[in-house]
Amino acid sequence: MSQPVQPPNQPQQPYGGQPADGNPYAAGPGAAAPAAPTGNPYGDQPPAPTGNPYGNQPPASTGNPFGNPQGQPAPFGGGAPFAPAPPASPVRNGLALGVLVAFGAAVVASVLYGVLLGSIEREFGYAAIGVGFLVGFAAAKLGGANPVTIAAAAVFSVGAVYFGQLIGYAMVMADAAQVSFSEVFLDHFDTVTRVWKEDADFMRYLFIALGAIAAIGGAKKAN
């Protein structure tokens, strides 16, 4: 059997000949290869920006980020930050304490003075002086020697001596009528004050004045 003879110089590769299937860049016989592109392939694009791309932005704030710039309103529509409340004045606290102490001492001294007068059924100046001294001394000792405190002690001392005398009168009247003290002092207080006015004399008013003077002396003695 015989085989067909291959023709001589038959090309084995598609290069340099006809374009190969699927290769669009294969050139034909004798065609020059395309030149490589030169220059900037993006030549039609706008030039890149130069400088600070954020030049139109406001400068970053420095320092305290919560500070309030001059001429700018505070955030949230409010004013300046809340200022701390000032501490309470010690003078004011001492004044209030002195007045309260003077009132409390006057109430206690008034009851003691009235019980003493009702028990012995007589009055004397030393008891009234003791009432005023106690009120003034206690007020100034705890509240300070403030002029207002001293004046309050003197006024409360006058009331303490006066009501002490009314308590003494009510005790005597209750003992004479054989009734309770509360019935006379509370239910017939107008009668007690009327009897006191009828019996009042110079010495009785003098005792009241001595109570106020003793309050001033007691306040000065405390300091």
N, C-alpha and C. Protein backbone atom coordinates (compact mmCIF):
# COMPACT_ATOMS: atom_id res chain seq x y z
N MET A 1 0.86 -1.18 0.00
CA MET A 1 0.00 0.00 0.00
C MET A 1 0.89 1.22 0.00
N SER A 2 0.47 2.24 -0.59
CA SER A 2 1.25 3.47 -0.67
C SER A 2 0.53 4.58 0.03
N GLN A 3 1.30 5.56 0.63
CA GLN A 3 0.73 6.73 1.32
C GLN A 3 0.99 7.96 0.49
N PRO A 4 0.10 8.94 0.52
CA PRO A 4 0.34 10.16 -0.25
C PRO A 4 1.49 10.94 0.30
N VAL A 5 2.28 11.52 -0.57
CA VAL A 5 3.45 12.29 -0.16
C VAL A 5 3.02 13.71 0.12
N GLN A 6 3.50 14.23 1.27
CA GLN A 6 3.16 15.60 1.64
C GLN A 6 3.89 16.55 0.73
N PRO A 7 3.25 17.67 0.30
CA PRO A 7 3.96 18.62 -0.54
C PRO A 7 5.04 19.31 0.24
N PRO A 8 6.14 19.65 -0.40
CA PRO A 8 7.27 20.29 0.30
C PRO A 8 6.93 21.73 0.69
N ASN A 9 7.66 22.23 1.75
CA ASN A 9 7.56 23.61 2.25
C ASN A 9 6.12 24.02 2.58
N GLN A 10 5.35 23.08 3.04
CA GLN A 10 3.99 23.45 3.48
C GLN A 10 4.07 24.10 4.85
N PRO A 11 3.55 25.32 5.01
CA PRO A 11 3.67 26.00 6.35
C PRO A 11 2.94 25.21 7.41
N GLN A 12 3.63 25.15 8.61
CA GLN A 12 3.06 24.40 9.73
C GLN A 12 2.36 25.31 10.74
N GLN A 13 2.73 26.65 10.78
CA GLN A 13 2.16 27.55 11.78
C GLN A 13 1.42 28.67 11.08
N PRO A 14 0.40 29.29 11.75
CA PRO A 14 -0.35 30.37 11.12
C PRO A 14 0.35 31.71 11.17
N TYR A 15 1.55 31.84 11.89
CA TYR A 15 2.22 33.13 12.03
C TYR A 15 2.81 33.53 10.71
N GLY A 16 2.67 34.76 10.37
CA GLY A 16 3.21 35.27 9.13
C GLY A 16 2.33 34.99 7.94
N GLY A 17 1.30 34.23 8.10
CA GLY A 17 0.42 33.92 6.99
C GLY A 17 -0.90 34.60 7.20
N GLN A 18 -1.98 33.83 6.91
CA GLN A 18 -3.31 34.38 7.07
C GLN A 18 -3.65 34.48 8.54
N PRO A 19 -4.56 35.40 8.84
CA PRO A 19 -4.90 35.52 10.27
C PRO A 19 -5.43 34.23 10.82
N ALA A 20 -4.96 33.92 12.01
CA ALA A 20 -5.44 32.71 12.68
C ALA A 20 -6.83 32.94 13.21
N ASP A 21 -7.57 31.88 13.29
CA ASP A 21 -8.94 32.00 13.80
C ASP A 21 -8.91 32.45 15.26
N GLY A 22 -9.70 33.47 15.59
CA GLY A 22 -9.80 33.95 16.99
C GLY A 22 -8.75 34.93 17.40
N ASN A 23 -7.72 35.27 16.52
CA ASN A 23 -6.68 36.23 16.86
C ASN A 23 -6.87 37.45 16.00
N PRO A 24 -7.50 38.51 16.53
CA PRO A 24 -7.76 39.69 15.72
C PRO A 24 -6.55 40.52 15.44
N TYR A 25 -5.43 40.28 16.17
CA TYR A 25 -4.24 41.10 16.00
C TYR A 25 -3.23 40.48 15.04
N ALA A 26 -3.58 39.33 14.54
CA ALA A 26 -2.63 38.71 13.59
C ALA A 26 -2.66 39.46 12.26
N ALA A 27 -1.52 39.91 11.83
CA ALA A 27 -1.46 40.69 10.59
C ALA A 27 -1.39 39.78 9.37
N GLY A 28 -1.78 40.32 8.28
CA GLY A 28 -1.69 39.55 7.03
C GLY A 28 -0.28 39.52 6.53
N PRO A 29 -0.06 38.82 5.40
CA PRO A 29 1.32 38.72 4.86
C PRO A 29 1.79 40.07 4.38
N GLY A 30 2.94 40.45 4.90
CA GLY A 30 3.59 41.69 4.46
C GLY A 30 3.09 42.93 5.16
N ALA A 31 2.14 42.82 6.11
CA ALA A 31 1.61 44.02 6.81
C ALA A 31 2.46 44.34 8.01
N ALA A 32 2.62 45.62 8.21
CA ALA A 32 3.45 46.04 9.37
C ALA A 32 2.64 45.94 10.65
N ALA A 33 3.35 45.64 11.71
CA ALA A 33 2.67 45.55 13.03
C ALA A 33 2.27 46.93 13.50
N PRO A 34 1.13 47.03 14.12
CA PRO A 34 0.70 48.35 14.61
C PRO A 34 1.64 48.92 15.65
N ALA A 35 1.83 50.26 15.59
CA ALA A 35 2.77 50.90 16.54
C ALA A 35 2.14 50.98 17.92
N ALA A 36 3.00 50.90 18.88
CA ALA A 36 2.52 50.99 20.28
C ALA A 36 2.06 52.41 20.56
N PRO A 37 0.99 52.55 21.31
CA PRO A 37 0.51 53.91 21.62
C PRO A 37 1.53 54.67 22.43
N THR A 38 1.65 55.96 22.18
CA THR A 38 2.58 56.83 22.90
C THR A 38 1.82 57.96 23.55
N GLY A 39 2.48 58.66 24.53
CA GLY A 39 1.85 59.82 25.20
C GLY A 39 0.96 59.38 26.37
N ASN A 40 0.22 60.32 26.87
CA ASN A 40 -0.67 60.06 28.02
C ASN A 40 -1.99 59.54 27.53
N PRO A 41 -2.33 58.30 27.86
CA PRO A 41 -3.62 57.78 27.37
C PRO A 41 -4.79 58.54 27.95
N TYR A 42 -4.56 59.31 28.98
CA TYR A 42 -5.63 60.08 29.61
C TYR A 42 -5.49 61.57 29.32
N GLY A 43 -4.96 61.88 28.20
CA GLY A 43 -4.69 63.26 27.85
C GLY A 43 -5.92 64.13 27.80
N ASP A 44 -7.06 63.52 27.51
CA ASP A 44 -8.29 64.32 27.43
C ASP A 44 -8.92 64.57 28.79
N GLN A 45 -8.36 63.98 29.85
CA GLN A 45 -8.93 64.16 31.18
C GLN A 45 -8.51 65.52 31.74
N PRO A 46 -9.32 66.15 32.58
CA PRO A 46 -8.92 67.44 33.21
C PRO A 46 -7.74 67.25 34.12
N PRO A 47 -6.93 68.28 34.25
CA PRO A 47 -5.74 68.14 35.12
C PRO A 47 -6.13 67.90 36.57
N ALA A 48 -5.28 67.20 37.26
CA ALA A 48 -5.55 66.90 38.67
C ALA A 48 -5.53 68.19 39.49
N PRO A 49 -6.42 68.32 40.44
CA PRO A 49 -6.42 69.55 41.27
C PRO A 49 -5.15 69.65 42.09
N THR A 50 -4.72 70.88 42.30
CA THR A 50 -3.51 71.14 43.08
C THR A 50 -3.88 71.92 44.32
N GLY A 51 -2.99 71.94 45.31
CA GLY A 51 -3.24 72.70 46.54
C GLY A 51 -4.09 71.89 47.52
N ASN A 52 -4.72 72.57 48.44
CA ASN A 52 -5.54 71.92 49.48
C ASN A 52 -6.93 71.64 48.93
N PRO A 53 -7.31 70.40 48.76
CA PRO A 53 -8.66 70.13 48.22
C PRO A 53 -9.75 70.59 49.16
N TYR A 54 -9.43 70.87 50.40
CA TYR A 54 -10.43 71.31 51.39
C TYR A 54 -10.24 72.78 51.75
N GLY A 55 -9.75 73.54 50.79
CA GLY A 55 -9.44 74.94 51.07
C GLY A 55 -10.65 75.77 51.45
N ASN A 56 -11.84 75.38 50.96
CA ASN A 56 -13.03 76.16 51.27
C ASN A 56 -13.67 75.79 52.60
N GLN A 57 -13.11 74.76 53.27
CA GLN A 57 -13.68 74.36 54.55
C GLN A 57 -13.22 75.30 55.66
N PRO A 58 -14.05 75.55 56.68
CA PRO A 58 -13.61 76.40 57.80
C PRO A 58 -12.48 75.75 58.55
N PRO A 59 -11.57 76.54 59.09
CA PRO A 59 -10.44 75.95 59.82
C PRO A 59 -10.92 75.18 61.03
N ALA A 60 -10.20 74.13 61.34
CA ALA A 60 -10.57 73.31 62.50
C ALA A 60 -10.42 74.13 63.77
N SER A 61 -11.35 73.93 64.65
CA SER A 61 -11.31 74.66 65.93
C SER A 61 -10.23 74.10 66.81
N THR A 62 -9.64 74.97 67.59
CA THR A 62 -8.59 74.57 68.51
C THR A 62 -8.99 74.94 69.91
N GLY A 63 -8.33 74.35 70.86
CA GLY A 63 -8.64 74.68 72.25
C GLY A 63 -9.84 73.90 72.73
N ASN A 64 -10.68 74.51 73.52
CA ASN A 64 -11.84 73.86 74.13
C ASN A 64 -12.94 73.70 73.11
N PRO A 65 -13.33 72.47 72.73
CA PRO A 65 -14.40 72.33 71.73
C PRO A 65 -15.73 72.80 72.23
N PHE A 66 -15.90 72.97 73.56
CA PHE A 66 -17.18 73.40 74.12
C PHE A 66 -17.17 74.88 74.47
N GLY A 67 -16.11 75.60 74.10
CA GLY A 67 -16.08 77.03 74.39
C GLY A 67 -17.11 77.78 73.58
N ASN A 68 -17.49 78.93 74.05
CA ASN A 68 -18.48 79.76 73.36
C ASN A 68 -17.75 80.89 72.67
N PRO A 69 -17.60 80.85 71.33
CA PRO A 69 -16.88 81.94 70.64
C PRO A 69 -17.58 83.26 70.84
N GLN A 70 -16.80 84.31 70.75
CA GLN A 70 -17.39 85.63 70.92
C GLN A 70 -18.36 85.92 69.79
N GLY A 71 -19.52 86.42 70.19
CA GLY A 71 -20.52 86.78 69.21
C GLY A 71 -21.36 85.61 68.74
N GLN A 72 -21.08 84.37 69.21
CA GLN A 72 -21.86 83.22 68.79
C GLN A 72 -22.79 82.82 69.91
N PRO A 73 -24.06 82.46 69.59
CA PRO A 73 -24.99 82.03 70.64
C PRO A 73 -24.57 80.70 71.22
N ALA A 74 -24.95 80.48 72.44
CA ALA A 74 -24.63 79.23 73.11
C ALA A 74 -25.44 78.10 72.49
N PRO A 75 -24.94 76.85 72.51
CA PRO A 75 -25.69 75.74 71.92
C PRO A 75 -27.00 75.52 72.64
N PHE A 76 -27.95 74.92 71.91
CA PHE A 76 -29.28 74.59 72.42
C PHE A 76 -30.06 75.82 72.81
N GLY A 77 -29.71 76.99 72.32
CA GLY A 77 -30.50 78.20 72.55
C GLY A 77 -30.38 78.76 73.95
N GLY A 78 -29.47 78.26 74.75
CA GLY A 78 -29.36 78.75 76.11
C GLY A 78 -28.29 79.80 76.25
N GLY A 79 -28.11 80.32 77.40
CA GLY A 79 -27.10 81.32 77.66
C GLY A 79 -25.81 80.67 78.11
N ALA A 80 -25.15 81.36 78.98
CA ALA A 80 -23.90 80.83 79.51
C ALA A 80 -24.18 79.63 80.40
N PRO A 81 -23.18 78.76 80.61
CA PRO A 81 -23.39 77.61 81.50
C PRO A 81 -23.83 78.07 82.88
N PHE A 82 -24.60 77.20 83.56
CA PHE A 82 -25.11 77.53 84.88
C PHE A 82 -23.96 77.75 85.85
N ALA A 83 -24.01 78.87 86.53
CA ALA A 83 -22.99 79.15 87.54
C ALA A 83 -23.38 78.44 88.84
N PRO A 84 -22.42 77.91 89.58
CA PRO A 84 -22.77 77.25 90.85
C PRO A 84 -23.36 78.23 91.83
N ALA A 85 -24.31 77.74 92.61
CA ALA A 85 -24.97 78.60 93.60
C ALA A 85 -23.96 79.05 94.64
N PRO A 86 -23.99 80.32 95.00
CA PRO A 86 -23.04 80.79 96.01
C PRO A 86 -23.33 80.15 97.35
N PRO A 87 -22.29 79.88 98.10
CA PRO A 87 -22.52 79.27 99.41
C PRO A 87 -23.28 80.20 100.33
N ALA A 88 -24.02 79.61 101.23
CA ALA A 88 -24.80 80.39 102.18
C ALA A 88 -23.88 81.22 103.06
N SER A 89 -24.27 82.43 103.34
CA SER A 89 -23.46 83.32 104.16
C SER A 89 -23.47 82.86 105.60
N PRO A 90 -22.29 82.73 106.25
CA PRO A 90 -22.28 82.34 107.66
C PRO A 90 -22.91 83.38 108.55
N VAL A 91 -22.85 84.66 108.15
CA VAL A 91 -23.48 85.70 108.96
C VAL A 91 -24.99 85.52 108.97
N ARG A 92 -25.54 85.22 107.78
CA ARG A 92 -27.00 85.02 107.71
C ARG A 92 -27.42 83.79 108.50
N ASN A 93 -26.63 82.70 108.39
CA ASN A 93 -26.97 81.50 109.15
C ASN A 93 -26.90 81.75 110.65
N GLY A 94 -25.88 82.50 111.08
CA GLY A 94 -25.75 82.80 112.50
C GLY A 94 -26.88 83.69 113.00
N LEU A 95 -27.32 84.61 112.15
CA LEU A 95 -28.42 85.50 112.53
C LEU A 95 -29.71 84.72 112.72
N ALA A 96 -30.01 83.83 111.77
CA ALA A 96 -31.23 83.03 111.87
C ALA A 96 -31.18 82.12 113.09
N LEU A 97 -30.02 81.51 113.33
CA LEU A 97 -29.89 80.64 114.50
C LEU A 97 -30.05 81.41 115.79
N GLY A 98 -29.47 82.61 115.85
CA GLY A 98 -29.59 83.41 117.07
C GLY A 98 -31.03 83.79 117.38
N VAL A 99 -31.79 84.15 116.34
CA VAL A 99 -33.20 84.53 116.56
C VAL A 99 -34.01 83.33 117.03
N LEU A 100 -33.78 82.17 116.42
CA LEU A 100 -34.52 80.98 116.82
C LEU A 100 -34.18 80.57 118.26
N VAL A 101 -32.91 80.66 118.60
CA VAL A 101 -32.51 80.31 119.96
C VAL A 101 -33.11 81.29 120.96
N ALA A 102 -33.13 82.58 120.61
CA ALA A 102 -33.73 83.57 121.51
C ALA A 102 -35.21 83.29 121.74
N PHE A 103 -35.92 82.91 120.69
CA PHE A 103 -37.34 82.60 120.84
C PHE A 103 -37.54 81.36 121.71
N GLY A 104 -36.76 80.31 121.46
CA GLY A 104 -36.90 79.09 122.26
C GLY A 104 -36.56 79.33 123.72
N ALA A 105 -35.49 80.09 123.96
CA ALA A 105 -35.12 80.38 125.35
C ALA A 105 -36.18 81.23 126.03
N ALA A 106 -36.82 82.14 125.29
CA ALA A 106 -37.87 82.98 125.86
C ALA A 106 -39.07 82.14 126.27
N VAL A 107 -39.43 81.16 125.47
CA VAL A 107 -40.57 80.29 125.82
C VAL A 107 -40.28 79.50 127.09
N VAL A 108 -39.08 78.90 127.15
CA VAL A 108 -38.72 78.11 128.34
C VAL A 108 -38.64 78.99 129.58
N ALA A 109 -37.99 80.15 129.45
CA ALA A 109 -37.85 81.04 130.61
C ALA A 109 -39.20 81.59 131.07
N SER A 110 -40.12 81.82 130.11
CA SER A 110 -41.45 82.32 130.48
C SER A 110 -42.19 81.31 131.33
N VAL A 111 -42.13 80.04 130.96
CA VAL A 111 -42.82 79.00 131.73
C VAL A 111 -42.21 78.88 133.13
N LEU A 112 -40.88 78.87 133.18
CA LEU A 112 -40.23 78.76 134.50
C LEU A 112 -40.56 79.95 135.39
N TYR A 113 -40.52 81.13 134.80
CA TYR A 113 -40.82 82.34 135.57
C TYR A 113 -42.27 82.32 136.07
N GLY A 114 -43.23 81.90 135.23
CA GLY A 114 -44.63 81.85 135.64
C GLY A 114 -44.87 80.83 136.73
N VAL A 115 -44.22 79.66 136.61
CA VAL A 115 -44.39 78.63 137.66
C VAL A 115 -43.83 79.14 138.98
N LEU A 116 -42.71 79.84 138.93
CA LEU A 116 -42.13 80.39 140.16
C LEU A 116 -43.07 81.42 140.79
N LEU A 117 -43.62 82.32 139.98
CA LEU A 117 -44.52 83.33 140.52
C LEU A 117 -45.80 82.70 141.08
N GLY A 118 -46.33 81.72 140.37
CA GLY A 118 -47.55 81.08 140.85
C GLY A 118 -47.32 80.26 142.11
N SER A 119 -46.11 79.74 142.29
CA SER A 119 -45.83 78.92 143.46
C SER A 119 -45.66 79.77 144.72
N ILE A 120 -44.97 80.89 144.61
CA ILE A 120 -44.73 81.72 145.78
C ILE A 120 -45.74 82.86 145.89
N GLU A 121 -46.55 83.02 144.84
CA GLU A 121 -47.61 84.03 144.77
C GLU A 121 -47.08 85.44 145.01
N ARG A 122 -45.93 85.68 144.48
CA ARG A 122 -45.35 87.02 144.52
C ARG A 122 -44.31 87.12 143.42
N GLU A 123 -43.91 88.30 143.08
CA GLU A 123 -42.91 88.50 142.04
C GLU A 123 -41.79 89.39 142.57
N PHE A 124 -40.62 89.18 142.01
CA PHE A 124 -39.47 89.99 142.42
C PHE A 124 -38.59 90.20 141.21
N GLY A 125 -37.80 91.24 141.29
CA GLY A 125 -37.03 91.69 140.15
C GLY A 125 -35.93 90.73 139.71
N TYR A 126 -35.35 89.99 140.63
CA TYR A 126 -34.25 89.11 140.25
C TYR A 126 -34.70 88.02 139.27
N ALA A 127 -35.93 87.56 139.44
CA ALA A 127 -36.44 86.53 138.51
C ALA A 127 -36.57 87.10 137.10
N ALA A 128 -37.07 88.33 136.99
CA ALA A 128 -37.20 88.96 135.67
C ALA A 128 -35.83 89.19 135.04
N ILE A 129 -34.87 89.59 135.87
CA ILE A 129 -33.51 89.78 135.35
C ILE A 129 -32.93 88.45 134.87
N GLY A 130 -33.20 87.40 135.60
CA GLY A 130 -32.71 86.08 135.20
C GLY A 130 -33.30 85.62 133.88
N VAL A 131 -34.58 85.93 133.65
CA VAL A 131 -35.21 85.57 132.38
C VAL A 131 -34.51 86.27 131.22
N GLY A 132 -34.32 87.57 131.32
CA GLY A 132 -33.67 88.31 130.25
C GLY A 132 -32.24 87.88 130.01
N PHE A 133 -31.51 87.63 131.08
CA PHE A 133 -30.11 87.23 130.94
C PHE A 133 -30.02 85.88 130.23
N LEU A 134 -30.90 84.94 130.58
CA LEU A 134 -30.87 83.63 129.96
C LEU A 134 -31.15 83.72 128.46
N VAL A 135 -32.13 84.52 128.09
CA VAL A 135 -32.48 84.65 126.68
C VAL A 135 -31.34 85.29 125.89
N GLY A 136 -30.82 86.38 126.37
CA GLY A 136 -29.74 87.07 125.66
C GLY A 136 -28.46 86.25 125.59
N PHE A 137 -28.11 85.57 126.66
CA PHE A 137 -26.88 84.78 126.67
C PHE A 137 -26.96 83.62 125.68
N ALA A 138 -28.09 82.90 125.69
CA ALA A 138 -28.24 81.75 124.78
C ALA A 138 -28.24 82.19 123.32
N ALA A 139 -28.92 83.30 123.03
CA ALA A 139 -29.00 83.77 121.64
C ALA A 139 -27.63 84.18 121.12
N ALA A 140 -26.89 84.93 121.90
CA ALA A 140 -25.58 85.40 121.45
C ALA A 140 -24.53 84.29 121.45
N LYS A 141 -24.68 83.35 122.35
CA LYS A 141 -23.70 82.26 122.42
C LYS A 141 -23.76 81.38 121.19
N LEU A 142 -24.93 81.13 120.69
CA LEU A 142 -25.09 80.25 119.53
C LEU A 142 -25.21 81.01 118.21
N GLY A 143 -25.72 82.23 118.27
CA GLY A 143 -25.93 82.99 117.04
C GLY A 143 -24.97 84.13 116.82
N GLY A 144 -24.11 84.41 117.78
CA GLY A 144 -23.19 85.52 117.63
C GLY A 144 -23.78 86.82 118.14
N ALA A 145 -22.88 87.76 118.43
CA ALA A 145 -23.30 89.06 118.99
C ALA A 145 -23.69 90.01 117.87
N ASN A 146 -24.63 89.59 117.05
CA ASN A 146 -25.15 90.44 115.99
C ASN A 146 -26.16 91.41 116.56
N PRO A 147 -26.18 92.68 116.13
CA PRO A 147 -27.15 93.63 116.68
C PRO A 147 -28.59 93.17 116.52
N VAL A 148 -28.89 92.51 115.42
CA VAL A 148 -30.26 92.02 115.22
C VAL A 148 -30.58 90.92 116.23
N THR A 149 -29.62 90.04 116.47
CA THR A 149 -29.84 88.98 117.45
C THR A 149 -30.04 89.55 118.85
N ILE A 150 -29.26 90.55 119.21
CA ILE A 150 -29.40 91.16 120.53
C ILE A 150 -30.75 91.86 120.66
N ALA A 151 -31.16 92.56 119.61
CA ALA A 151 -32.46 93.23 119.65
C ALA A 151 -33.60 92.22 119.76
N ALA A 152 -33.49 91.11 119.02
CA ALA A 152 -34.51 90.06 119.11
C ALA A 152 -34.56 89.46 120.50
N ALA A 153 -33.41 89.26 121.12
CA ALA A 153 -33.37 88.71 122.48
C ALA A 153 -34.04 89.66 123.47
N ALA A 154 -33.83 90.97 123.30
CA ALA A 154 -34.45 91.94 124.20
C ALA A 154 -35.97 91.93 124.05
N VAL A 155 -36.45 91.88 122.80
CA VAL A 155 -37.90 91.86 122.57
C VAL A 155 -38.52 90.58 123.11
N PHE A 156 -37.88 89.45 122.85
CA PHE A 156 -38.41 88.18 123.36
C PHE A 156 -38.38 88.13 124.88
N SER A 157 -37.42 88.79 125.49
CA SER A 157 -37.36 88.83 126.95
C SER A 157 -38.54 89.59 127.53
N VAL A 158 -38.93 90.69 126.88
CA VAL A 158 -40.12 91.43 127.33
C VAL A 158 -41.35 90.53 127.28
N GLY A 159 -41.50 89.81 126.17
CA GLY A 159 -42.64 88.89 126.07
C GLY A 159 -42.56 87.77 127.08
N ALA A 160 -41.33 87.28 127.36
CA ALA A 160 -41.19 86.18 128.32
C ALA A 160 -41.60 86.62 129.73
N VAL A 161 -41.18 87.81 130.14
CA VAL A 161 -41.56 88.30 131.47
C VAL A 161 -43.07 88.54 131.54
N TYR A 162 -43.63 89.11 130.50
CA TYR A 162 -45.07 89.38 130.49
C TYR A 162 -45.90 88.10 130.56
N PHE A 163 -45.60 87.14 129.70
CA PHE A 163 -46.36 85.89 129.72
C PHE A 163 -46.06 85.08 130.97
N GLY A 164 -44.88 85.22 131.52
CA GLY A 164 -44.59 84.56 132.80
C GLY A 164 -45.48 85.10 133.91
N GLN A 165 -45.69 86.39 133.90
CA GLN A 165 -46.60 86.97 134.90
C GLN A 165 -48.04 86.49 134.68
N LEU A 166 -48.46 86.36 133.44
CA LEU A 166 -49.81 85.85 133.17
C LEU A 166 -49.94 84.40 133.62
N ILE A 167 -48.90 83.61 133.43
CA ILE A 167 -48.94 82.22 133.89
C ILE A 167 -49.07 82.18 135.42
N GLY A 168 -48.29 83.05 136.08
CA GLY A 168 -48.40 83.10 137.54
C GLY A 168 -49.79 83.51 138.00
N TYR A 169 -50.39 84.48 137.33
CA TYR A 169 -51.75 84.91 137.67
C TYR A 169 -52.73 83.77 137.44
N ALA A 170 -52.60 83.07 136.34
CA ALA A 170 -53.53 81.98 136.05
C ALA A 170 -53.41 80.86 137.09
N MET A 171 -52.21 80.57 137.54
CA MET A 171 -52.03 79.55 138.56
C MET A 171 -52.70 79.96 139.87
N VAL A 172 -52.55 81.21 140.26
CA VAL A 172 -53.18 81.69 141.50
C VAL A 172 -54.71 81.66 141.37
N MET A 173 -55.24 82.10 140.26
CA MET A 173 -56.68 82.13 140.03
C MET A 173 -57.24 80.71 139.97
N ALA A 174 -56.51 79.77 139.34
CA ALA A 174 -56.98 78.39 139.28
C ALA A 174 -56.99 77.76 140.66
N ASP A 175 -56.01 78.08 141.48
CA ASP A 175 -55.97 77.54 142.85
C ASP A 175 -57.11 78.11 143.69
N ALA A 176 -57.41 79.38 143.49
CA ALA A 176 -58.50 80.00 144.26
C ALA A 176 -59.86 79.47 143.82
N ALA A 177 -60.05 79.20 142.54
CA ALA A 177 -61.34 78.72 142.04
C ALA A 177 -61.44 77.21 142.05
N GLN A 178 -60.39 76.53 142.45
CA GLN A 178 -60.37 75.07 142.50
C GLN A 178 -60.68 74.45 141.13
N VAL A 179 -60.06 75.00 140.12
CA VAL A 179 -60.19 74.47 138.77
C VAL A 179 -58.78 74.24 138.21
N SER A 180 -58.73 73.63 137.05
CA SER A 180 -57.43 73.35 136.44
C SER A 180 -56.81 74.61 135.86
N PHE A 181 -55.49 74.58 135.77
CA PHE A 181 -54.76 75.73 135.20
C PHE A 181 -55.11 75.93 133.73
N SER A 182 -55.20 74.82 132.98
CA SER A 182 -55.50 74.95 131.55
C SER A 182 -56.86 75.58 131.32
N GLU A 183 -57.83 75.28 132.19
CA GLU A 183 -59.16 75.87 132.03
C GLU A 183 -59.11 77.38 132.21
N VAL A 184 -58.37 77.84 133.18
CA VAL A 184 -58.28 79.28 133.42
C VAL A 184 -57.46 79.96 132.34
N PHE A 185 -56.30 79.39 131.99
CA PHE A 185 -55.38 80.06 131.07
C PHE A 185 -55.89 80.02 129.62
N LEU A 186 -56.54 78.93 129.25
CA LEU A 186 -56.98 78.81 127.86
C LEU A 186 -58.41 79.29 127.66
N ASP A 187 -59.30 78.92 128.58
CA ASP A 187 -60.71 79.29 128.39
C ASP A 187 -61.03 80.69 128.89
N HIS A 188 -60.24 81.19 129.82
CA HIS A 188 -60.51 82.52 130.39
C HIS A 188 -59.27 83.39 130.33
N PHE A 189 -58.59 83.34 129.18
CA PHE A 189 -57.36 84.11 129.03
C PHE A 189 -57.66 85.61 129.08
N ASP A 190 -58.80 86.04 128.55
CA ASP A 190 -59.15 87.46 128.59
C ASP A 190 -59.33 87.94 130.02
N THR A 191 -59.86 87.08 130.88
CA THR A 191 -60.03 87.45 132.29
C THR A 191 -58.68 87.58 132.98
N VAL A 192 -57.75 86.69 132.65
CA VAL A 192 -56.41 86.75 133.23
C VAL A 192 -55.72 88.06 132.85
N THR A 193 -55.77 88.44 131.55
CA THR A 193 -55.13 89.68 131.12
C THR A 193 -55.81 90.91 131.73
N ARG A 194 -57.14 90.84 131.94
CA ARG A 194 -57.84 91.99 132.54
C ARG A 194 -57.42 92.18 133.99
N VAL A 195 -57.30 91.08 134.71
CA VAL A 195 -56.86 91.17 136.11
C VAL A 195 -55.43 91.67 136.19
N TRP A 196 -54.59 91.22 135.26
CA TRP A 196 -53.20 91.68 135.26
C TRP A 196 -53.13 93.20 135.05
N LYS A 197 -53.93 93.73 134.13
CA LYS A 197 -53.92 95.17 133.87
C LYS A 197 -54.42 95.96 135.08
N GLU A 198 -55.39 95.41 135.78
CA GLU A 198 -55.93 96.12 136.95
C GLU A 198 -54.92 96.18 138.08
N ASP A 199 -54.09 95.14 138.18
CA ASP A 199 -53.10 95.10 139.26
C ASP A 199 -51.75 95.67 138.85
N ALA A 200 -51.59 96.00 137.59
CA ALA A 200 -50.28 96.47 137.12
C ALA A 200 -49.93 97.80 137.76
N ASP A 201 -48.66 97.94 138.16
CA ASP A 201 -48.16 99.17 138.75
C ASP A 201 -46.78 99.46 138.17
N PHE A 202 -46.13 100.45 138.72
CA PHE A 202 -44.83 100.85 138.21
C PHE A 202 -43.81 99.72 138.32
N MET A 203 -43.81 99.00 139.43
CA MET A 203 -42.83 97.95 139.64
C MET A 203 -42.99 96.81 138.62
N ARG A 204 -44.22 96.54 138.26
CA ARG A 204 -44.45 95.46 137.30
C ARG A 204 -43.86 95.82 135.92
N TYR A 205 -44.05 97.05 135.50
CA TYR A 205 -43.46 97.48 134.24
C TYR A 205 -41.95 97.59 134.35
N LEU A 206 -41.49 97.91 135.53
CA LEU A 206 -40.05 97.97 135.74
C LEU A 206 -39.42 96.60 135.58
N PHE A 207 -40.09 95.58 136.08
CA PHE A 207 -39.56 94.22 135.93
C PHE A 207 -39.46 93.82 134.46
N ILE A 208 -40.45 94.24 133.70
CA ILE A 208 -40.41 93.93 132.25
C ILE A 208 -39.22 94.63 131.59
N ALA A 209 -38.99 95.89 131.96
CA ALA A 209 -37.86 96.62 131.41
C ALA A 209 -36.53 96.01 131.84
N LEU A 210 -36.46 95.54 133.07
CA LEU A 210 -35.24 94.90 133.55
C LEU A 210 -34.93 93.63 132.77
N GLY A 211 -35.97 92.93 132.35
CA GLY A 211 -35.75 91.73 131.55
C GLY A 211 -35.08 92.06 130.22
N ALA A 212 -35.52 93.15 129.56
CA ALA A 212 -34.92 93.54 128.30
C ALA A 212 -33.48 93.99 128.48
N ILE A 213 -33.22 94.76 129.54
CA ILE A 213 -31.85 95.22 129.80
C ILE A 213 -30.93 94.03 130.12
N ALA A 214 -31.45 93.06 130.89
CA ALA A 214 -30.65 91.90 131.21
C ALA A 214 -30.35 91.06 129.96
N ALA A 215 -31.25 91.04 128.99
CA ALA A 215 -31.00 90.31 127.75
C ALA A 215 -29.81 90.90 127.01
N ILE A 216 -29.74 92.23 126.97
CA ILE A 216 -28.60 92.88 126.29
C ILE A 216 -27.31 92.58 127.02
N GLY A 217 -27.36 92.63 128.35
CA GLY A 217 -26.17 92.31 129.13
C GLY A 217 -25.74 90.86 128.96
N GLY A 218 -26.71 89.95 128.92
CA GLY A 218 -26.37 88.54 128.73
C GLY A 218 -25.75 88.28 127.37
N ALA A 219 -26.23 88.97 126.33
CA ALA A 219 -25.65 88.81 124.98
C ALA A 219 -24.21 89.29 124.96
N LYS A 220 -23.94 90.40 125.60
CA LYS A 220 -22.56 90.91 125.64
C LYS A 220 -21.66 90.01 126.48
N LYS A 221 -22.24 89.41 127.50
CA LYS A 221 -21.46 88.53 128.38
C LYS A 221 -21.07 87.24 127.65
N ALA A 222 -21.91 86.80 126.73
CA ALA A 222 -21.65 85.55 126.03
C ALA A 222 -20.43 85.66 125.10
N ASN A 223 -20.09 86.88 124.67
CA ASN A 223 -18.95 87.07 123.78
C ASN A 223 -17.89 87.96 124.41
